[in-house]
Amino acid sequence: MINQYNTPTIAIIGGGFCGTMVAVHLLRQTAPVRIVLINSRYPLSKGIAYSSYSNKHLLNVPAKNMGAFPENPGHFIEWLKNHENYGVLDAQELPDMYLPRNIYGQYLKDIFENAIRRKTQNVSIEFVHDVAIDLSKLNDAYQVHFSVSPPIIANKVVLAMGNHIPRDPEFGNTQFVSSKRYFPNPWLKEAVNHPEKESNILIVGNGLTMVDVVLGLRENGFTGKIYSLSPHGFKILPHRKFEPYKKMTDELQKPFKLNDLVSLFRKHVAILRAENKSAEAIVDSFRPLTQKVWKELSSGEKRRFLYHLRHMWGVARHRLPMQIHKEIQQLILDDKLEIIAGKIEYAFDKENYAEINIRRRYKNEILQLNVDRVINCTGPESNINKMSDSLIKNLLATGMIQADEFFLGINATEDGQILGKSNLPEKNILTLGTWMKGVLWESTAIPELRNQAKSVANQLIVEFV
């Protein structure tokens, strides 16, 4: 097959924030380029994150930090103020508000549509609403294969597929994953639809997705009890208001060593606690430096962090808007939500319920729960060697991609160029977002993703200018 287009073609696989914003930056170019945006799973430009089934699902970052453009972090605030529905919001409170994710989805949709309207005649954009299942080398270009649609040829490709569904928990019974009472994808509305109102429900996982599911179940009329199971049973912290804290980052010195960083954290946590202040301020102050420090740690130090500190960091880093935190706390006080530390020993699929046997972490006992459904909220699968996705499996089989050394995503350079089996950068296949977690660690939130999207777009277009 030959490329019938003389214009350089860029294929973007994935239509969530990352794929959309790479396309937006390309649409702003004046150089001739043909963009093919490939999307199948979730609403174009919104992805799963910003097309929530509930308006109670809020952004985890205040509005002031959610601008989609690195050169204009306040762009989201500007859009809100100029929108007929949201312009009436209190301008003083707006920057620190945690707004519904659906509103952010509208914002991204507007950005994308405006970029299309304002593009030059040199730039074109097409859409393929199908599943990309393979990618093959074709001379100096690539052929993208689909589940149904005919293949396309592209000079450059962006892998921006977003989060993969969670890995199935260990049920001690391989047949349970086929049970009608098991919901493997917590982001689909069917996970919370039509619950038996007064039954019990088990959520496997105790993070932010669990909170979304709890809110969704309650919104759908569920009045029974929800159990949330995780290995450690960590509590979820709220976003509190506090003054910026820079004393710890002022003390940071190269070379960065994990033991020194942990000691420094502990020192300043103690200082703040002695002053009866929130220690989360330390985490927030460190946030802009996370990628820089991660890249300079040794492989051994990164492994120690992942083994010993990863979960504690996640609790401190990923917090809840205060109003949602209060709602979750009230459900716990009302005995409508119980957090359990432990693991599943065995799951039985009975005629009218699922019987789940749980070994408690801090008690030498087995807890038996009879539940109406089990919802998997353990977090996105990051190990590409364990994914069922056809595209990922085929790219692995051909050696076009490989897992990073920590199995957190795809191996790549710091700027997103894929490192395949040859371990040499492939400048014409790039990735970003969650797939870069092993390389950058902090690679899932808008302040980082907006920078990556612009960087990837610039790399794609540089030869065509």
Protein backbone atom coordinates (compact mmCIF):
# COMPACT_ATOMS: atom_id res chain seq x y z
CA MET A 1 0.00 0.00 0.00
CA ILE A 2 1.31 3.48 -0.80
CA ASN A 3 0.46 6.74 0.86
CA GLN A 4 -1.91 8.62 -1.42
CA TYR A 5 -1.17 11.87 0.42
CA ASN A 6 1.88 13.99 -0.32
CA THR A 7 1.39 15.84 2.97
CA PRO A 8 3.26 14.36 5.95
CA THR A 9 0.84 12.33 8.07
CA ILE A 10 0.80 12.04 11.85
CA ALA A 11 -1.37 9.36 13.44
CA ILE A 12 -2.43 9.93 17.05
CA ILE A 13 -3.78 6.81 18.76
CA GLY A 14 -5.99 7.95 21.61
CA GLY A 15 -8.46 10.82 21.93
CA GLY A 16 -8.27 11.74 25.63
CA PHE A 17 -6.46 14.76 27.04
CA CYS A 18 -3.02 13.78 25.72
CA GLY A 19 -4.07 12.84 22.21
CA THR A 20 -6.41 15.81 21.91
CA MET A 21 -3.87 18.37 23.09
CA VAL A 22 -1.13 17.00 20.81
CA ALA A 23 -3.63 17.46 17.95
CA VAL A 24 -4.51 20.99 19.14
CA HIS A 25 -0.84 22.03 19.08
CA LEU A 26 -0.42 20.50 15.61
CA LEU A 27 -3.53 22.31 14.38
CA ARG A 28 -1.87 25.59 15.33
CA GLN A 29 1.04 24.94 12.97
CA THR A 30 1.42 26.61 9.58
CA ALA A 31 3.51 23.83 8.04
CA PRO A 32 1.59 21.32 5.88
CA VAL A 33 0.53 18.34 7.96
CA ARG A 34 -2.25 15.75 7.91
CA ILE A 35 -3.47 14.62 11.34
CA VAL A 36 -5.33 11.35 11.80
CA LEU A 37 -6.87 11.10 15.26
CA ILE A 38 -7.78 7.52 16.20
CA ASN A 39 -10.27 7.03 19.01
CA SER A 40 -12.68 4.27 19.96
CA ARG A 41 -13.27 3.72 23.66
CA TYR A 42 -14.45 6.99 25.15
CA PRO A 43 -15.83 10.38 24.00
CA LEU A 44 -13.41 12.21 21.75
CA SER A 45 -11.42 15.01 23.46
CA LYS A 46 -12.78 14.07 26.90
CA GLY A 47 -11.55 10.52 27.40
CA ILE A 48 -12.72 8.52 30.38
CA ALA A 49 -11.39 11.03 32.90
CA TYR A 50 -13.55 13.96 31.78
CA SER A 51 -16.70 12.23 30.54
CA SER A 52 -17.82 11.03 33.95
CA TYR A 53 -21.30 9.62 34.50
CA SER A 54 -21.70 11.83 37.61
CA ASN A 55 -21.39 15.54 38.30
CA LYS A 56 -20.23 14.57 41.79
CA HIS A 57 -16.95 13.37 40.32
CA LEU A 58 -14.69 16.36 40.88
CA LEU A 59 -11.30 17.40 39.60
CA ASN A 60 -8.52 16.56 42.01
CA VAL A 61 -6.66 19.77 41.25
CA PRO A 62 -7.98 23.31 41.88
CA ALA A 63 -9.22 25.16 38.82
CA LYS A 64 -6.29 27.59 38.84
CA ASN A 65 -3.88 24.76 37.96
CA MET A 66 -5.97 23.12 35.24
CA GLY A 67 -5.20 25.26 32.20
CA ALA A 68 -4.53 23.04 29.19
CA PHE A 69 -1.68 25.18 27.81
CA PRO A 70 1.73 25.40 29.53
CA GLU A 71 2.17 28.99 28.39
CA ASN A 72 -1.18 29.94 29.97
CA PRO A 73 -1.91 27.91 33.14
CA GLY A 74 -4.89 30.18 33.90
CA HIS A 75 -6.64 29.40 30.61
CA PHE A 76 -9.28 27.20 32.30
CA ILE A 77 -10.17 30.06 34.68
CA GLU A 78 -10.50 32.43 31.71
CA TRP A 79 -12.78 29.95 29.92
CA LEU A 80 -14.98 29.57 33.00
CA LYS A 81 -15.35 33.33 33.43
CA ASN A 82 -16.36 33.73 29.79
CA HIS A 83 -18.78 30.79 29.74
CA GLU A 84 -22.47 31.69 30.01
CA ASN A 85 -23.13 28.93 32.55
CA TYR A 86 -20.11 29.42 34.79
CA GLY A 87 -19.37 33.14 34.53
CA VAL A 88 -21.62 33.76 37.54
CA LEU A 89 -19.36 31.74 39.85
CA ASP A 90 -17.60 33.75 42.54
CA ALA A 91 -14.45 35.08 40.88
CA GLN A 92 -12.59 35.16 44.20
CA GLU A 93 -13.41 31.55 45.07
CA LEU A 94 -13.13 30.14 41.54
CA PRO A 95 -9.33 29.58 41.39
CA ASP A 96 -9.39 27.29 44.43
CA MET A 97 -12.58 25.41 43.52
CA TYR A 98 -12.62 21.69 42.67
CA LEU A 99 -15.09 21.57 39.81
CA PRO A 100 -16.94 18.63 38.22
CA ARG A 101 -14.79 16.71 35.76
CA ASN A 102 -17.60 16.94 33.20
CA ILE A 103 -17.11 20.71 33.07
CA TYR A 104 -13.45 20.17 32.28
CA GLY A 105 -14.56 17.83 29.51
CA GLN A 106 -16.62 20.65 28.02
CA TYR A 107 -13.55 22.89 28.24
CA LEU A 108 -11.40 20.40 26.32
CA LYS A 109 -14.13 19.95 23.71
CA ASP A 110 -14.28 23.72 23.18
CA ILE A 111 -10.49 23.96 22.85
CA PHE A 112 -10.44 21.18 20.28
CA GLU A 113 -13.33 22.55 18.21
CA ASN A 114 -11.86 26.06 18.24
CA ALA A 115 -8.50 24.70 17.09
CA ILE A 116 -10.18 22.94 14.17
CA ARG A 117 -12.09 26.08 13.18
CA ARG A 118 -8.95 28.23 13.26
CA LYS A 119 -6.50 25.88 11.55
CA THR A 120 -4.80 26.99 8.34
CA GLN A 121 -5.53 25.40 4.97
CA ASN A 122 -2.16 23.64 5.14
CA VAL A 123 -3.37 21.50 8.04
CA SER A 124 -6.04 18.83 7.78
CA ILE A 125 -7.55 16.50 10.36
CA GLU A 126 -9.38 13.21 9.94
CA PHE A 127 -10.91 10.81 12.42
CA VAL A 128 -10.91 7.04 12.65
CA HIS A 129 -13.49 5.73 15.11
CA ASP A 130 -12.06 2.26 15.46
CA VAL A 131 -9.65 0.21 17.56
CA ALA A 132 -6.01 0.30 16.46
CA ILE A 133 -4.76 -3.29 16.79
CA ASP A 134 -1.29 -3.23 15.22
CA LEU A 135 1.46 -1.04 13.87
CA SER A 136 3.96 -2.19 11.26
CA LYS A 137 6.99 -0.62 9.67
CA LEU A 138 6.57 0.22 5.98
CA ASN A 139 9.77 1.61 4.46
CA ASP A 140 10.21 5.00 6.14
CA ALA A 141 6.63 5.11 7.40
CA TYR A 142 4.21 3.08 9.51
CA GLN A 143 1.01 1.27 8.71
CA VAL A 144 -1.69 1.40 11.38
CA HIS A 145 -4.07 -1.56 11.33
CA PHE A 146 -7.59 -1.51 12.73
CA SER A 147 -10.22 -3.89 13.96
CA VAL A 148 -12.60 -3.04 11.10
CA SER A 149 -11.41 0.01 9.15
CA PRO A 150 -8.83 -0.18 6.34
CA PRO A 151 -5.22 0.55 7.41
CA ILE A 152 -3.67 3.99 7.13
CA ILE A 153 -0.07 5.02 6.52
CA ALA A 154 1.61 7.63 8.72
CA ASN A 155 5.06 9.16 8.81
CA LYS A 156 4.90 9.53 12.58
CA VAL A 157 2.80 7.95 15.32
CA VAL A 158 1.80 9.03 18.82
CA LEU A 159 0.79 6.42 21.40
CA ALA A 160 -1.67 8.28 23.65
CA MET A 161 -4.07 5.49 24.64
CA GLY A 162 -4.49 6.55 28.25
CA ASN A 163 -5.14 4.28 31.20
CA HIS A 164 -5.71 0.56 30.77
CA ILE A 165 -8.43 -1.12 32.81
CA PRO A 166 -7.30 -2.57 36.18
CA ARG A 167 -5.77 -6.00 36.49
CA ASP A 168 -8.15 -8.61 37.92
CA PRO A 169 -7.58 -9.12 41.65
CA GLU A 170 -6.44 -12.49 42.97
CA PHE A 171 -9.72 -14.20 43.80
CA GLY A 172 -8.29 -17.65 44.57
CA ASN A 173 -10.78 -18.82 41.97
CA THR A 174 -10.09 -18.11 38.29
CA GLN A 175 -13.73 -18.66 37.37
CA PHE A 176 -14.93 -15.71 39.46
CA VAL A 177 -13.69 -13.19 36.87
CA SER A 178 -16.52 -14.44 34.63
CA SER A 179 -19.16 -13.89 37.30
CA LYS A 180 -22.02 -11.52 36.48
CA ARG A 181 -21.43 -10.06 39.94
CA TYR A 182 -17.89 -8.97 39.10
CA PHE A 183 -17.36 -5.56 37.45
CA PRO A 184 -13.77 -5.30 36.13
CA ASN A 185 -14.01 -1.72 34.78
CA PRO A 186 -14.93 0.82 37.48
CA TRP A 187 -15.06 3.71 35.01
CA LEU A 188 -18.09 2.39 33.16
CA LYS A 189 -21.51 3.46 34.40
CA GLU A 190 -22.68 -0.16 34.45
CA ALA A 191 -20.49 -0.67 37.54
CA VAL A 192 -22.87 1.50 39.59
CA ASN A 193 -26.13 1.07 37.68
CA HIS A 194 -29.17 -0.64 39.23
CA PRO A 195 -27.68 -1.86 42.50
CA GLU A 196 -29.76 -3.89 44.93
CA LYS A 197 -30.55 -0.98 47.20
CA GLU A 198 -30.09 -2.61 50.59
CA SER A 199 -27.49 -5.27 49.81
CA ASN A 200 -23.73 -5.27 50.45
CA ILE A 201 -21.12 -4.30 47.85
CA LEU A 202 -17.37 -4.95 47.90
CA ILE A 203 -14.98 -2.52 46.25
CA VAL A 204 -11.47 -3.90 45.79
CA GLY A 205 -9.21 -0.87 46.10
CA ASN A 206 -9.16 2.12 48.41
CA GLY A 207 -8.14 5.10 46.31
CA LEU A 208 -9.77 7.92 44.40
CA THR A 209 -11.57 5.55 42.01
CA MET A 210 -13.18 3.85 45.00
CA VAL A 211 -14.54 7.25 46.06
CA ASP A 212 -15.98 7.85 42.59
CA VAL A 213 -17.71 4.47 42.67
CA VAL A 214 -19.10 5.05 46.16
CA LEU A 215 -20.55 8.38 45.05
CA GLY A 216 -21.95 6.79 41.90
CA LEU A 217 -23.62 3.99 43.85
CA ARG A 218 -25.20 6.41 46.30
CA GLU A 219 -26.37 8.61 43.44
CA ASN A 220 -28.06 5.56 41.94
CA GLY A 221 -30.07 4.96 45.09
CA PHE A 222 -27.87 2.44 46.89
CA THR A 223 -28.54 2.51 50.63
CA GLY A 224 -26.78 -0.67 51.75
CA LYS A 225 -23.24 -1.11 53.05
CA ILE A 226 -20.08 -0.75 50.99
CA TYR A 227 -16.82 -2.45 51.94
CA SER A 228 -13.55 -1.11 50.55
CA LEU A 229 -10.65 -3.57 50.64
CA SER A 230 -6.96 -2.82 50.16
CA PRO A 231 -3.71 -4.40 51.42
CA HIS A 232 -3.02 -1.60 53.90
CA GLY A 233 -6.38 0.07 54.37
CA PHE A 234 -4.86 3.55 54.20
CA LYS A 235 -7.24 6.41 54.84
CA ILE A 236 -7.71 9.04 52.13
CA LEU A 237 -6.67 12.58 53.03
CA PRO A 238 -8.46 15.81 52.10
CA HIS A 239 -7.13 18.88 50.35
CA ARG A 240 -6.72 21.37 53.19
CA LYS A 241 -6.01 25.06 52.87
CA PHE A 242 -2.52 25.98 54.01
CA GLU A 243 0.21 28.48 53.36
CA PRO A 244 2.89 27.45 50.82
CA TYR A 245 5.85 25.76 52.49
CA LYS A 246 9.27 26.12 50.88
CA LYS A 247 11.68 25.38 53.70
CA MET A 248 12.21 21.76 52.67
CA THR A 249 12.78 22.45 48.98
CA ASP A 250 15.18 25.25 49.96
CA GLU A 251 17.30 22.61 51.69
CA LEU A 252 17.34 20.17 48.77
CA GLN A 253 20.82 19.61 47.43
CA LYS A 254 22.34 17.46 44.72
CA PRO A 255 23.15 14.67 44.43
CA PHE A 256 19.65 13.45 45.33
CA LYS A 257 19.73 10.33 47.49
CA LEU A 258 16.63 8.51 48.69
CA ASN A 259 17.80 8.19 52.30
CA ASP A 260 18.57 11.91 52.44
CA LEU A 261 15.19 12.77 50.93
CA VAL A 262 13.32 10.59 53.43
CA SER A 263 15.24 12.13 56.34
CA LEU A 264 14.51 15.62 55.03
CA PHE A 265 10.81 14.82 54.66
CA ARG A 266 10.62 13.47 58.21
CA LYS A 267 12.42 16.50 59.59
CA HIS A 268 9.99 18.98 58.04
CA VAL A 269 6.92 16.87 58.80
CA ALA A 270 7.98 17.04 62.45
CA ILE A 271 8.43 20.82 62.20
CA LEU A 272 4.96 21.35 60.78
CA ARG A 273 3.27 18.97 63.18
CA ALA A 274 4.90 20.75 66.09
CA GLU A 275 3.25 23.91 64.78
CA ASN A 276 -0.06 22.03 64.42
CA LYS A 277 0.02 22.53 60.64
CA SER A 278 -0.78 20.19 57.75
CA ALA A 279 2.20 18.19 56.52
CA GLU A 280 0.63 17.89 53.05
CA ALA A 281 2.14 21.29 52.28
CA ILE A 282 5.52 19.55 52.04
CA VAL A 283 4.26 17.18 49.34
CA ASP A 284 2.78 20.07 47.36
CA SER A 285 6.00 22.05 47.56
CA PHE A 286 7.95 19.04 46.27
CA ARG A 287 5.55 18.39 43.37
CA PRO A 288 7.28 20.65 40.77
CA LEU A 289 10.59 18.90 41.48
CA THR A 290 9.34 15.31 41.42
CA GLN A 291 10.34 14.49 37.84
CA LYS A 292 13.77 16.09 38.25
CA VAL A 293 14.52 14.14 41.44
CA TRP A 294 13.11 10.85 40.07
CA LYS A 295 15.32 11.01 36.98
CA GLU A 296 18.44 11.45 39.11
CA LEU A 297 17.78 8.62 41.56
CA SER A 298 19.58 5.34 40.89
CA SER A 299 17.60 2.30 39.74
CA GLY A 300 18.11 0.72 43.15
CA GLU A 301 16.76 3.77 44.94
CA LYS A 302 13.71 3.88 42.67
CA ARG A 303 13.00 0.22 43.42
CA ARG A 304 13.27 0.84 47.16
CA PHE A 305 10.88 3.76 46.87
CA LEU A 306 8.38 1.68 44.90
CA TYR A 307 8.56 -1.18 47.38
CA HIS A 308 8.57 0.74 50.67
CA LEU A 309 7.16 4.21 50.07
CA ARG A 310 4.98 4.14 46.97
CA HIS A 311 1.65 3.66 48.77
CA MET A 312 2.36 6.25 51.45
CA TRP A 313 3.38 8.75 48.80
CA GLY A 314 0.16 8.02 46.91
CA VAL A 315 -1.95 8.76 49.98
CA ALA A 316 -0.19 12.07 50.59
CA ARG A 317 -0.08 13.03 46.91
CA HIS A 318 -3.60 12.10 45.75
CA ARG A 319 -6.06 13.78 48.08
CA LEU A 320 -9.78 14.50 48.00
CA PRO A 321 -11.63 17.81 47.70
CA MET A 322 -12.78 18.68 51.20
CA GLN A 323 -16.52 18.46 50.47
CA ILE A 324 -16.12 14.94 49.07
CA HIS A 325 -13.88 13.92 51.95
CA LYS A 326 -16.55 15.03 54.43
CA GLU A 327 -19.16 12.98 52.57
CA ILE A 328 -16.98 9.88 52.70
CA GLN A 329 -16.26 10.43 56.40
CA GLN A 330 -19.99 10.70 57.10
CA LEU A 331 -20.64 7.41 55.30
CA ILE A 332 -18.04 5.77 57.54
CA LEU A 333 -19.65 7.27 60.66
CA ASP A 334 -23.07 6.07 59.47
CA ASP A 335 -21.67 2.55 59.02
CA LYS A 336 -22.45 2.71 55.31
CA LEU A 337 -18.77 2.43 54.33
CA GLU A 338 -16.11 0.28 55.97
CA ILE A 339 -12.41 0.30 55.07
CA ILE A 340 -10.77 -3.13 55.43
CA ALA A 341 -7.06 -3.94 55.35
CA GLY A 342 -6.43 -7.40 53.97
CA LYS A 343 -6.62 -9.58 50.89
CA ILE A 344 -9.09 -11.95 49.28
CA GLU A 345 -8.52 -15.61 50.07
CA TYR A 346 -11.32 -17.00 47.93
CA ALA A 347 -14.39 -15.80 46.04
CA PHE A 348 -17.44 -18.03 45.52
CA ASP A 349 -20.14 -17.24 42.98
CA LYS A 350 -23.38 -18.32 44.67
CA GLU A 351 -26.86 -18.31 43.14
CA ASN A 352 -28.05 -15.06 44.72
CA TYR A 353 -24.83 -13.47 45.96
CA ALA A 354 -21.05 -13.65 45.92
CA GLU A 355 -19.29 -15.03 48.99
CA ILE A 356 -15.93 -13.36 49.56
CA ASN A 357 -13.49 -14.65 52.18
CA ILE A 358 -11.01 -12.01 53.29
CA ARG A 359 -7.92 -12.48 55.42
CA ARG A 360 -7.58 -9.38 57.56
CA ARG A 361 -4.14 -7.80 57.68
CA TYR A 362 -3.96 -6.89 61.34
CA LYS A 363 -6.16 -9.65 62.73
CA ASN A 364 -5.62 -13.40 62.61
CA GLU A 365 -9.06 -14.09 61.21
CA ILE A 366 -11.06 -14.64 58.03
CA LEU A 367 -13.90 -12.23 57.33
CA GLN A 368 -16.73 -13.64 55.22
CA LEU A 369 -18.79 -11.16 53.23
CA ASN A 370 -21.89 -11.91 51.18
CA VAL A 371 -22.19 -9.20 48.54
CA ASP A 372 -24.32 -8.35 45.56
CA ARG A 373 -21.39 -7.22 43.43
CA VAL A 374 -17.62 -6.85 43.45
CA ILE A 375 -16.15 -3.77 41.73
CA ASN A 376 -12.47 -3.60 40.78
CA CYS A 377 -10.96 -0.24 41.78
CA THR A 378 -7.34 -1.38 42.14
CA GLY A 379 -6.04 1.22 39.69
CA PRO A 380 -4.97 1.11 36.05
CA GLU A 381 -2.81 -1.79 34.90
CA SER A 382 0.63 -0.39 34.13
CA ASN A 383 2.61 -3.53 33.26
CA ILE A 384 2.33 -3.77 29.48
CA ASN A 385 3.46 -7.40 29.62
CA LYS A 386 0.18 -8.26 31.37
CA MET A 387 -2.22 -6.25 29.22
CA SER A 388 -4.80 -7.86 26.98
CA ASP A 389 -4.90 -4.91 24.56
CA SER A 390 -4.22 -6.16 21.01
CA LEU A 391 -2.13 -3.15 20.00
CA ILE A 392 0.13 -3.42 23.04
CA LYS A 393 0.51 -7.18 22.65
CA ASN A 394 1.41 -6.90 18.96
CA LEU A 395 3.89 -4.05 19.53
CA LEU A 396 5.54 -6.12 22.26
CA ALA A 397 5.69 -9.19 20.03
CA THR A 398 7.51 -7.30 17.28
CA GLY A 399 9.82 -5.55 19.74
CA MET A 400 8.58 -2.13 18.67
CA ILE A 401 7.96 -1.30 22.33
CA GLN A 402 9.15 -2.73 25.64
CA ALA A 403 8.28 -2.16 29.28
CA ASP A 404 10.34 0.24 31.34
CA GLU A 405 12.52 -1.36 34.00
CA PHE A 406 9.86 -0.91 36.72
CA PHE A 407 6.92 -2.14 34.62
CA LEU A 408 5.09 1.15 35.08
CA GLY A 409 4.66 1.91 31.38
CA ILE A 410 6.56 1.99 28.09
CA ASN A 411 10.31 2.42 27.92
CA ALA A 412 11.12 5.76 26.34
CA THR A 413 13.45 8.73 26.49
CA GLU A 414 12.60 11.65 28.77
CA ASP A 415 10.95 13.46 25.87
CA GLY A 416 8.80 10.49 24.88
CA GLN A 417 10.71 8.80 22.05
CA ILE A 418 10.05 5.05 22.17
CA LEU A 419 12.92 2.72 23.07
CA GLY A 420 12.20 -0.64 21.42
CA LYS A 421 14.16 -3.89 21.63
CA SER A 422 17.21 -2.20 20.09
CA ASN A 423 17.10 0.28 22.99
CA LEU A 424 17.69 3.11 20.52
CA PRO A 425 15.33 6.12 20.39
CA GLU A 426 12.66 5.98 17.68
CA LYS A 427 12.03 9.65 16.95
CA ASN A 428 8.99 8.87 14.79
CA ILE A 429 7.03 6.99 17.48
CA LEU A 430 6.37 8.96 20.63
CA THR A 431 4.33 8.47 23.77
CA LEU A 432 3.25 10.57 26.73
CA GLY A 433 1.07 10.60 29.80
CA THR A 434 0.58 7.52 31.95
CA TRP A 435 2.86 5.47 29.67
CA MET A 436 5.78 7.63 30.84
CA LYS A 437 5.36 6.95 34.55
CA GLY A 438 8.40 4.69 34.84
CA VAL A 439 10.58 7.32 33.15
CA LEU A 440 9.20 10.42 34.89
CA TRP A 441 7.13 9.06 37.82
CA GLU A 442 4.91 12.19 37.92
CA SER A 443 3.15 11.84 34.58
CA THR A 444 -0.60 11.67 35.13
CA ALA A 445 -1.76 15.16 36.11
CA ILE A 446 -2.56 18.16 33.90
CA PRO A 447 0.41 20.34 34.97
CA GLU A 448 2.76 17.66 33.57
CA LEU A 449 0.60 16.41 30.69
CA ARG A 450 0.14 19.85 29.12
CA ASN A 451 3.93 20.26 28.92
CA GLN A 452 4.34 16.81 27.40
CA ALA A 453 1.63 17.42 24.80
CA LYS A 454 3.32 20.58 23.55
CA SER A 455 6.76 18.97 23.58
CA VAL A 456 5.58 15.94 21.60
CA ALA A 457 3.82 18.14 19.04
CA ASN A 458 6.96 20.20 18.57
CA GLN A 459 9.05 17.08 18.01
CA LEU A 460 6.58 15.75 15.48
CA ILE A 461 6.50 18.89 13.40
CA VAL A 462 10.16 19.95 13.51
CA GLU A 463 11.13 18.17 10.26
CA PHE A 464 8.13 19.54 8.39
CA VAL A 465 8.65 23.24 9.17
